[in-house]
Amino acid sequence: MTRPIQIASRFNGPPGTGNGGYSAGLIAGAIGTGVNVRLAQPVPLELDLTVTPIAEQRWEVHAGSTLIAMAQATQIEVEVPEAPSWVEAFGVAKHFTGFTQHVYPACFVCGPERAAGDGLRIFPGSVPGGRLFAAPWQPDASLGDGTGKVRPEFVWASLDCPGYFASLDPKPGLMGELAVRIGQLPRVDERCVVTSWRIAGEGRKHRVGTALFGAEGQCLAHGIATWIELKTA
């Protein structure tokens, strides 16, 4: 069993619960290998979460006796589309639909109510002429690991919400599972571009890809997520 982890209240997604990507990233960091994290239910804030191996290459995460998430070792294989430039991403982000209608406007990753230096403020917009969404992201110093690099859990967070806007927006939904491969951590204050694109859908499940590009246009990390469309009355 690893040391307990906690999701601080700053890193929320839907009100009162942890951002799915950030939470999955902390879980992956506690395990220490490439995993797909599946959330069994919304992640509680400010509570000890224990990560326990249950079989070879498989783990469970509990808050007390409540199952919160499951993880399984995985390798990601996905074709990552070429990213637009920082300037192009900056331009399409001005048309972010969440500025006028947002399911979770205080989300740590994509909430427009979060101030610079508090939330990530990643606002994906649709890139003309294709299926790609993109947003600029310049990670601030509070996300650093002390060596000038961004901590891995924030890379996971950056690759979460953009998938929603490529697949479900404006319908309400939650991230069901996420796997991320980090080839290189971005630098604090680096001008990055985050992209997302829809891969497939079946019923209320939507599979999406996300990627993070550095200032030189190189792909630093990429992920695959499954988003679940919530039932509405």
C-alpha atoms as a PDB file:
ATOM      1  CA  MET A   1       0.000   0.000   0.000  1.00  0.00           C
ATOM      2  CA  THR A   2       1.280   3.470  -0.903  1.00  0.00           C
ATOM      3  CA  ARG A   3       0.987   6.523   1.308  1.00  0.00           C
ATOM      4  CA  PRO A   4      -2.505   8.080   1.256  1.00  0.00           C
ATOM      5  CA  ILE A   5      -3.092  10.910  -1.207  1.00  0.00           C
ATOM      6  CA  GLN A   6      -5.530  13.804  -0.962  1.00  0.00           C
ATOM      7  CA  ILE A   7      -7.223  16.036  -3.509  1.00  0.00           C
ATOM      8  CA  ALA A   8      -6.952  19.581  -2.180  1.00  0.00           C
ATOM      9  CA  SER A   9     -10.052  21.735  -2.524  1.00  0.00           C
ATOM     10  CA  ARG A  10      -8.293  23.987  -5.074  1.00  0.00           C
ATOM     11  CA  PHE A  11      -8.275  21.140  -7.589  1.00  0.00           C
ATOM     12  CA  ASN A  12     -12.002  20.647  -8.015  1.00  0.00           C
ATOM     13  CA  GLY A  13     -13.950  19.687 -11.098  1.00  0.00           C
ATOM     14  CA  PRO A  14     -17.705  19.589 -10.514  1.00  0.00           C
ATOM     15  CA  PRO A  15     -18.606  21.432  -7.287  1.00  0.00           C
ATOM     16  CA  GLY A  16     -17.301  19.665  -4.187  1.00  0.00           C
ATOM     17  CA  THR A  17     -15.388  16.943  -6.032  1.00  0.00           C
ATOM     18  CA  GLY A  18     -11.921  16.517  -7.508  1.00  0.00           C
ATOM     19  CA  ASN A  19     -11.083  17.287 -11.108  1.00  0.00           C
ATOM     20  CA  GLY A  20     -10.963  13.914 -12.834  1.00  0.00           C
ATOM     21  CA  GLY A  21      -7.697  14.440 -14.689  1.00  0.00           C
ATOM     22  CA  TYR A  22      -5.842  15.855 -11.702  1.00  0.00           C
ATOM     23  CA  SER A  23      -7.150  13.063  -9.467  1.00  0.00           C
ATOM     24  CA  ALA A  24      -6.171  10.389 -11.993  1.00  0.00           C
ATOM     25  CA  GLY A  25      -2.725  11.967 -12.269  1.00  0.00           C
ATOM     26  CA  LEU A  26      -2.158  11.824  -8.519  1.00  0.00           C
ATOM     27  CA  ILE A  27      -3.269   8.189  -8.509  1.00  0.00           C
ATOM     28  CA  ALA A  28      -0.906   7.381 -11.381  1.00  0.00           C
ATOM     29  CA  GLY A  29       1.929   9.133  -9.554  1.00  0.00           C
ATOM     30  CA  ALA A  30       1.300   7.092  -6.424  1.00  0.00           C
ATOM     31  CA  ILE A  31       1.417   3.881  -8.461  1.00  0.00           C
ATOM     32  CA  GLY A  32       4.507   4.905 -10.391  1.00  0.00           C
ATOM     33  CA  THR A  33       3.796   3.309 -13.765  1.00  0.00           C
ATOM     34  CA  GLY A  34       1.686   3.888 -16.869  1.00  0.00           C
ATOM     35  CA  VAL A  35      -1.954   3.225 -15.989  1.00  0.00           C
ATOM     36  CA  ASN A  36      -5.491   3.739 -17.164  1.00  0.00           C
ATOM     37  CA  VAL A  37      -7.499   5.204 -14.283  1.00  0.00           C
ATOM     38  CA  ARG A  38     -11.226   4.521 -14.154  1.00  0.00           C
ATOM     39  CA  LEU A  39     -13.306   6.601 -11.757  1.00  0.00           C
ATOM     40  CA  ALA A  40     -16.027   4.637  -9.999  1.00  0.00           C
ATOM     41  CA  GLN A  41     -17.597   7.811  -8.619  1.00  0.00           C
ATOM     42  CA  PRO A  42     -16.748  11.502  -8.093  1.00  0.00           C
ATOM     43  CA  VAL A  43     -13.512  11.924  -6.162  1.00  0.00           C
ATOM     44  CA  PRO A  44     -13.930  13.471  -2.696  1.00  0.00           C
ATOM     45  CA  LEU A  45     -11.900  16.493  -1.649  1.00  0.00           C
ATOM     46  CA  GLU A  46      -9.660  16.727   1.412  1.00  0.00           C
ATOM     47  CA  LEU A  47     -10.005  13.037   2.338  1.00  0.00           C
ATOM     48  CA  ASP A  48      -7.299  10.368   2.525  1.00  0.00           C
ATOM     49  CA  LEU A  49      -7.379   8.075  -0.508  1.00  0.00           C
ATOM     50  CA  THR A  50      -5.535   4.771  -0.237  1.00  0.00           C
ATOM     51  CA  VAL A  51      -4.103   3.082  -3.324  1.00  0.00           C
ATOM     52  CA  THR A  52      -3.925  -0.690  -2.918  1.00  0.00           C
ATOM     53  CA  PRO A  53      -2.678  -3.384  -5.349  1.00  0.00           C
ATOM     54  CA  ILE A  54      -5.341  -6.051  -5.869  1.00  0.00           C
ATOM     55  CA  ALA A  55      -3.713  -8.179  -8.598  1.00  0.00           C
ATOM     56  CA  GLU A  56      -0.771  -8.034 -10.945  1.00  0.00           C
ATOM     57  CA  GLN A  57      -0.798  -4.622 -12.654  1.00  0.00           C
ATOM     58  CA  ARG A  58      -4.131  -3.681 -11.050  1.00  0.00           C
ATOM     59  CA  TRP A  59      -4.980  -1.322  -8.183  1.00  0.00           C
ATOM     60  CA  GLU A  60      -7.991   0.054  -6.328  1.00  0.00           C
ATOM     61  CA  VAL A  61      -8.409   3.447  -4.658  1.00  0.00           C
ATOM     62  CA  HIS A  62     -10.612   3.777  -1.579  1.00  0.00           C
ATOM     63  CA  ALA A  63     -11.809   6.544   0.725  1.00  0.00           C
ATOM     64  CA  GLY A  64     -12.357   4.481   3.846  1.00  0.00           C
ATOM     65  CA  SER A  65     -14.413   1.518   2.655  1.00  0.00           C
ATOM     66  CA  THR A  66     -15.767   3.332  -0.433  1.00  0.00           C
ATOM     67  CA  LEU A  67     -14.334   2.415  -3.827  1.00  0.00           C
ATOM     68  CA  ILE A  68     -13.373   5.608  -5.638  1.00  0.00           C
ATOM     69  CA  ALA A  69     -11.293   4.431  -8.614  1.00  0.00           C
ATOM     70  CA  MET A  70      -9.545   1.515 -10.262  1.00  0.00           C
ATOM     71  CA  ALA A  71      -6.285   1.510 -12.195  1.00  0.00           C
ATOM     72  CA  GLN A  72      -4.703  -0.935 -14.583  1.00  0.00           C
ATOM     73  CA  ALA A  73      -1.321  -0.879 -16.294  1.00  0.00           C
ATOM     74  CA  THR A  74      -1.621   0.125 -19.931  1.00  0.00           C
ATOM     75  CA  GLN A  75       0.194   1.408 -22.979  1.00  0.00           C
ATOM     76  CA  ILE A  76      -1.353   4.111 -25.117  1.00  0.00           C
ATOM     77  CA  GLU A  77      -1.474   3.832 -28.877  1.00  0.00           C
ATOM     78  CA  VAL A  78      -3.142   6.714 -30.680  1.00  0.00           C
ATOM     79  CA  GLU A  79      -2.392   8.797 -33.759  1.00  0.00           C
ATOM     80  CA  VAL A  80      -1.915  12.379 -32.586  1.00  0.00           C
ATOM     81  CA  PRO A  81      -2.941  15.073 -35.094  1.00  0.00           C
ATOM     82  CA  GLU A  82      -0.563  17.933 -35.774  1.00  0.00           C
ATOM     83  CA  ALA A  83      -1.182  20.891 -33.493  1.00  0.00           C
ATOM     84  CA  PRO A  84      -1.890  24.455 -34.566  1.00  0.00           C
ATOM     85  CA  SER A  85       0.539  27.180 -33.568  1.00  0.00           C
ATOM     86  CA  TRP A  86       0.310  29.070 -30.282  1.00  0.00           C
ATOM     87  CA  VAL A  87      -1.110  32.076 -32.157  1.00  0.00           C
ATOM     88  CA  GLU A  88      -3.760  29.948 -33.880  1.00  0.00           C
ATOM     89  CA  ALA A  89      -4.701  28.278 -30.587  1.00  0.00           C
ATOM     90  CA  PHE A  90      -4.922  31.686 -28.922  1.00  0.00           C
ATOM     91  CA  GLY A  91      -7.291  32.799 -31.668  1.00  0.00           C
ATOM     92  CA  VAL A  92      -9.707  29.858 -31.489  1.00  0.00           C
ATOM     93  CA  ALA A  93      -9.746  30.005 -27.675  1.00  0.00           C
ATOM     94  CA  LYS A  94     -11.473  33.383 -27.952  1.00  0.00           C
ATOM     95  CA  HIS A  95     -14.512  31.427 -29.194  1.00  0.00           C
ATOM     96  CA  PHE A  96     -14.545  29.024 -26.229  1.00  0.00           C
ATOM     97  CA  THR A  97     -18.203  28.114 -25.703  1.00  0.00           C
ATOM     98  CA  GLY A  98     -17.715  27.993 -21.944  1.00  0.00           C
ATOM     99  CA  PHE A  99     -17.495  31.772 -21.797  1.00  0.00           C
ATOM    100  CA  THR A 100     -21.259  31.950 -22.362  1.00  0.00           C
ATOM    101  CA  GLN A 101     -22.476  28.521 -21.184  1.00  0.00           C
ATOM    102  CA  HIS A 102     -20.493  26.223 -18.892  1.00  0.00           C
ATOM    103  CA  VAL A 103     -21.644  23.174 -16.931  1.00  0.00           C
ATOM    104  CA  TYR A 104     -18.929  23.616 -14.272  1.00  0.00           C
ATOM    105  CA  PRO A 105     -17.674  27.229 -14.490  1.00  0.00           C
ATOM    106  CA  ALA A 106     -15.463  26.909 -11.384  1.00  0.00           C
ATOM    107  CA  CYS A 107     -13.576  23.834 -12.670  1.00  0.00           C
ATOM    108  CA  PHE A 108      -9.846  23.991 -11.899  1.00  0.00           C
ATOM    109  CA  VAL A 109      -8.913  23.177 -15.505  1.00  0.00           C
ATOM    110  CA  CYS A 110     -11.443  24.875 -17.774  1.00  0.00           C
ATOM    111  CA  GLY A 111     -13.525  27.108 -15.538  1.00  0.00           C
ATOM    112  CA  PRO A 112     -13.670  30.754 -16.655  1.00  0.00           C
ATOM    113  CA  GLU A 113     -14.487  31.772 -13.085  1.00  0.00           C
ATOM    114  CA  ARG A 114     -10.997  30.737 -11.946  1.00  0.00           C
ATOM    115  CA  ALA A 115      -8.414  33.511 -11.850  1.00  0.00           C
ATOM    116  CA  ALA A 116      -5.016  33.281 -13.532  1.00  0.00           C
ATOM    117  CA  GLY A 117      -2.617  31.595 -11.112  1.00  0.00           C
ATOM    118  CA  ASP A 118      -5.504  29.721  -9.477  1.00  0.00           C
ATOM    119  CA  GLY A 119      -7.048  27.628 -12.257  1.00  0.00           C
ATOM    120  CA  LEU A 120      -5.364  26.349 -15.417  1.00  0.00           C
ATOM    121  CA  ARG A 121      -7.723  28.406 -17.608  1.00  0.00           C
ATOM    122  CA  ILE A 122      -7.539  26.028 -20.582  1.00  0.00           C
ATOM    123  CA  PHE A 123     -10.277  27.163 -22.975  1.00  0.00           C
ATOM    124  CA  PRO A 124     -10.461  24.945 -26.100  1.00  0.00           C
ATOM    125  CA  GLY A 125     -11.981  26.306 -29.260  1.00  0.00           C
ATOM    126  CA  SER A 126     -12.782  24.545 -32.513  1.00  0.00           C
ATOM    127  CA  VAL A 127     -10.038  24.762 -35.147  1.00  0.00           C
ATOM    128  CA  PRO A 128     -11.591  25.662 -38.536  1.00  0.00           C
ATOM    129  CA  GLY A 129     -11.605  23.010 -41.215  1.00  0.00           C
ATOM    130  CA  GLY A 130     -11.332  19.909 -39.061  1.00  0.00           C
ATOM    131  CA  ARG A 131     -12.320  18.001 -35.937  1.00  0.00           C
ATOM    132  CA  LEU A 132      -9.574  19.408 -33.737  1.00  0.00           C
ATOM    133  CA  PHE A 133     -10.012  21.624 -30.696  1.00  0.00           C
ATOM    134  CA  ALA A 134      -7.106  23.640 -29.318  1.00  0.00           C
ATOM    135  CA  ALA A 135      -6.176  26.002 -26.519  1.00  0.00           C
ATOM    136  CA  PRO A 136      -3.039  27.843 -25.433  1.00  0.00           C
ATOM    137  CA  TRP A 137      -1.678  27.061 -21.974  1.00  0.00           C
ATOM    138  CA  GLN A 138       1.170  28.726 -20.132  1.00  0.00           C
ATOM    139  CA  PRO A 139       1.580  26.873 -16.800  1.00  0.00           C
ATOM    140  CA  ASP A 140       2.300  29.181 -13.883  1.00  0.00           C
ATOM    141  CA  ALA A 141       4.920  28.790 -11.152  1.00  0.00           C
ATOM    142  CA  SER A 142       2.494  27.239  -8.637  1.00  0.00           C
ATOM    143  CA  LEU A 143       2.405  24.112 -10.824  1.00  0.00           C
ATOM    144  CA  GLY A 144       6.171  23.574 -10.722  1.00  0.00           C
ATOM    145  CA  ASP A 145       8.130  20.724  -9.153  1.00  0.00           C
ATOM    146  CA  GLY A 146      10.984  22.894  -7.884  1.00  0.00           C
ATOM    147  CA  THR A 147      13.245  22.176 -10.869  1.00  0.00           C
ATOM    148  CA  GLY A 148      11.464  24.372 -13.412  1.00  0.00           C
ATOM    149  CA  LYS A 149       9.233  21.574 -14.723  1.00  0.00           C
ATOM    150  CA  VAL A 150       5.466  21.177 -14.342  1.00  0.00           C
ATOM    151  CA  ARG A 151       4.404  18.391 -11.988  1.00  0.00           C
ATOM    152  CA  PRO A 152       2.959  15.337 -13.791  1.00  0.00           C
ATOM    153  CA  GLU A 153      -0.477  15.524 -12.173  1.00  0.00           C
ATOM    154  CA  PHE A 154      -1.011  18.910 -13.802  1.00  0.00           C
ATOM    155  CA  VAL A 155      -0.143  17.465 -17.198  1.00  0.00           C
ATOM    156  CA  TRP A 156      -2.861  14.862 -16.578  1.00  0.00           C
ATOM    157  CA  ALA A 157      -5.240  17.668 -15.592  1.00  0.00           C
ATOM    158  CA  SER A 158      -4.477  19.612 -18.775  1.00  0.00           C
ATOM    159  CA  LEU A 159      -5.411  16.540 -20.833  1.00  0.00           C
ATOM    160  CA  ASP A 160      -8.785  16.066 -19.136  1.00  0.00           C
ATOM    161  CA  CYS A 161     -11.350  18.792 -19.839  1.00  0.00           C
ATOM    162  CA  PRO A 162     -10.357  19.514 -23.464  1.00  0.00           C
ATOM    163  CA  GLY A 163     -11.767  16.080 -24.325  1.00  0.00           C
ATOM    164  CA  TYR A 164     -15.190  17.138 -23.084  1.00  0.00           C
ATOM    165  CA  PHE A 165     -15.377  20.049 -25.496  1.00  0.00           C
ATOM    166  CA  ALA A 166     -14.413  17.813 -28.419  1.00  0.00           C
ATOM    167  CA  SER A 167     -17.097  15.255 -27.618  1.00  0.00           C
ATOM    168  CA  LEU A 168     -19.994  16.366 -25.396  1.00  0.00           C
ATOM    169  CA  ASP A 169     -20.267  20.152 -25.141  1.00  0.00           C
ATOM    170  CA  PRO A 170     -22.830  21.509 -24.207  1.00  0.00           C
ATOM    171  CA  LYS A 171     -24.329  18.315 -22.744  1.00  0.00           C
ATOM    172  CA  PRO A 172     -23.462  17.526 -19.118  1.00  0.00           C
ATOM    173  CA  GLY A 173     -20.914  14.758 -18.696  1.00  0.00           C
ATOM    174  CA  LEU A 174     -18.161  13.351 -16.512  1.00  0.00           C
ATOM    175  CA  MET A 175     -14.816  11.802 -17.320  1.00  0.00           C
ATOM    176  CA  GLY A 176     -15.063   8.046 -16.795  1.00  0.00           C
ATOM    177  CA  GLU A 177     -11.474   7.003 -17.439  1.00  0.00           C
ATOM    178  CA  LEU A 178      -8.168   8.464 -18.563  1.00  0.00           C
ATOM    179  CA  ALA A 179      -4.744   7.157 -19.541  1.00  0.00           C
ATOM    180  CA  VAL A 180      -1.819   9.509 -20.194  1.00  0.00           C
ATOM    181  CA  ARG A 181       1.677   9.015 -21.541  1.00  0.00           C
ATOM    182  CA  ILE A 182       4.158  11.762 -20.674  1.00  0.00           C
ATOM    183  CA  GLY A 183       7.255  11.827 -22.862  1.00  0.00           C
ATOM    184  CA  GLN A 184       8.558  15.114 -21.506  1.00  0.00           C
ATOM    185  CA  LEU A 185       7.319  17.532 -18.858  1.00  0.00           C
ATOM    186  CA  PRO A 186       6.717  21.118 -19.976  1.00  0.00           C
ATOM    187  CA  ARG A 187       8.614  23.946 -18.350  1.00  0.00           C
ATOM    188  CA  VAL A 188       6.927  26.409 -16.056  1.00  0.00           C
ATOM    189  CA  ASP A 189       5.851  29.428 -18.156  1.00  0.00           C
ATOM    190  CA  GLU A 190       6.385  27.512 -21.429  1.00  0.00           C
ATOM    191  CA  ARG A 191       3.967  28.454 -24.197  1.00  0.00           C
ATOM    192  CA  CYS A 192       2.116  25.180 -24.742  1.00  0.00           C
ATOM    193  CA  VAL A 193      -0.800  24.148 -26.920  1.00  0.00           C
ATOM    194  CA  VAL A 194      -3.374  21.591 -25.749  1.00  0.00           C
ATOM    195  CA  THR A 195      -5.448  19.763 -28.368  1.00  0.00           C
ATOM    196  CA  SER A 196      -8.378  17.359 -28.316  1.00  0.00           C
ATOM    197  CA  TRP A 197     -10.325  15.353 -30.863  1.00  0.00           C
ATOM    198  CA  ARG A 198     -13.193  12.884 -30.900  1.00  0.00           C
ATOM    199  CA  ILE A 199     -12.268   9.262 -31.659  1.00  0.00           C
ATOM    200  CA  ALA A 200     -15.557   7.326 -31.371  1.00  0.00           C
ATOM    201  CA  GLY A 201     -18.894   7.239 -29.597  1.00  0.00           C
ATOM    202  CA  GLU A 202     -21.392   4.594 -28.555  1.00  0.00           C
ATOM    203  CA  GLY A 203     -24.533   5.496 -26.640  1.00  0.00           C
ATOM    204  CA  ARG A 204     -23.573   7.757 -23.762  1.00  0.00           C
ATOM    205  CA  LYS A 205     -19.864   6.843 -23.961  1.00  0.00           C
ATOM    206  CA  HIS A 206     -17.489   9.044 -25.946  1.00  0.00           C
ATOM    207  CA  ARG A 207     -13.834   8.222 -26.570  1.00  0.00           C
ATOM    208  CA  VAL A 208     -11.493  11.143 -27.149  1.00  0.00           C
ATOM    209  CA  GLY A 209      -7.820  11.890 -27.607  1.00  0.00           C
ATOM    210  CA  THR A 210      -5.899  14.786 -26.084  1.00  0.00           C
ATOM    211  CA  ALA A 211      -2.333  16.013 -26.485  1.00  0.00           C
ATOM    212  CA  LEU A 212       0.058  18.597 -25.069  1.00  0.00           C
ATOM    213  CA  PHE A 213       2.598  20.342 -27.292  1.00  0.00           C
ATOM    214  CA  GLY A 214       5.615  22.385 -26.226  1.00  0.00           C
ATOM    215  CA  ALA A 215       6.892  25.734 -27.426  1.00  0.00           C
ATOM    216  CA  GLU A 216       8.854  24.143 -30.268  1.00  0.00           C
ATOM    217  CA  GLY A 217       5.800  22.247 -31.530  1.00  0.00           C
ATOM    218  CA  GLN A 218       6.889  18.882 -30.114  1.00  0.00           C
ATOM    219  CA  CYS A 219       4.301  16.533 -28.579  1.00  0.00           C
ATOM    220  CA  LEU A 220       5.140  16.331 -24.874  1.00  0.00           C
ATOM    221  CA  ALA A 221       2.267  14.124 -23.707  1.00  0.00           C
ATOM    222  CA  HIS A 222      -0.924  12.555 -24.973  1.00  0.00           C
ATOM    223  CA  GLY A 223      -3.894  10.741 -23.550  1.00  0.00           C
ATOM    224  CA  ILE A 224      -7.044   8.778 -24.270  1.00  0.00           C
ATOM    225  CA  ALA A 225     -10.202   9.315 -22.244  1.00  0.00           C
ATOM    226  CA  THR A 226     -13.744   8.032 -22.072  1.00  0.00           C
ATOM    227  CA  TRP A 227     -16.392  10.611 -21.264  1.00  0.00           C
ATOM    228  CA  ILE A 228     -19.864   9.642 -20.000  1.00  0.00           C
ATOM    229  CA  GLU A 229     -22.871  11.692 -20.990  1.00  0.00           C
ATOM    230  CA  LEU A 230     -25.098  12.203 -17.940  1.00  0.00           C
ATOM    231  CA  LYS A 231     -28.760  11.282 -18.135  1.00  0.00           C
ATOM    232  CA  THR A 232     -31.108  14.231 -18.091  1.00  0.00           C
ATOM    233  CA  ALA A 233     -34.738  14.307 -17.071  1.00  0.00           C
END
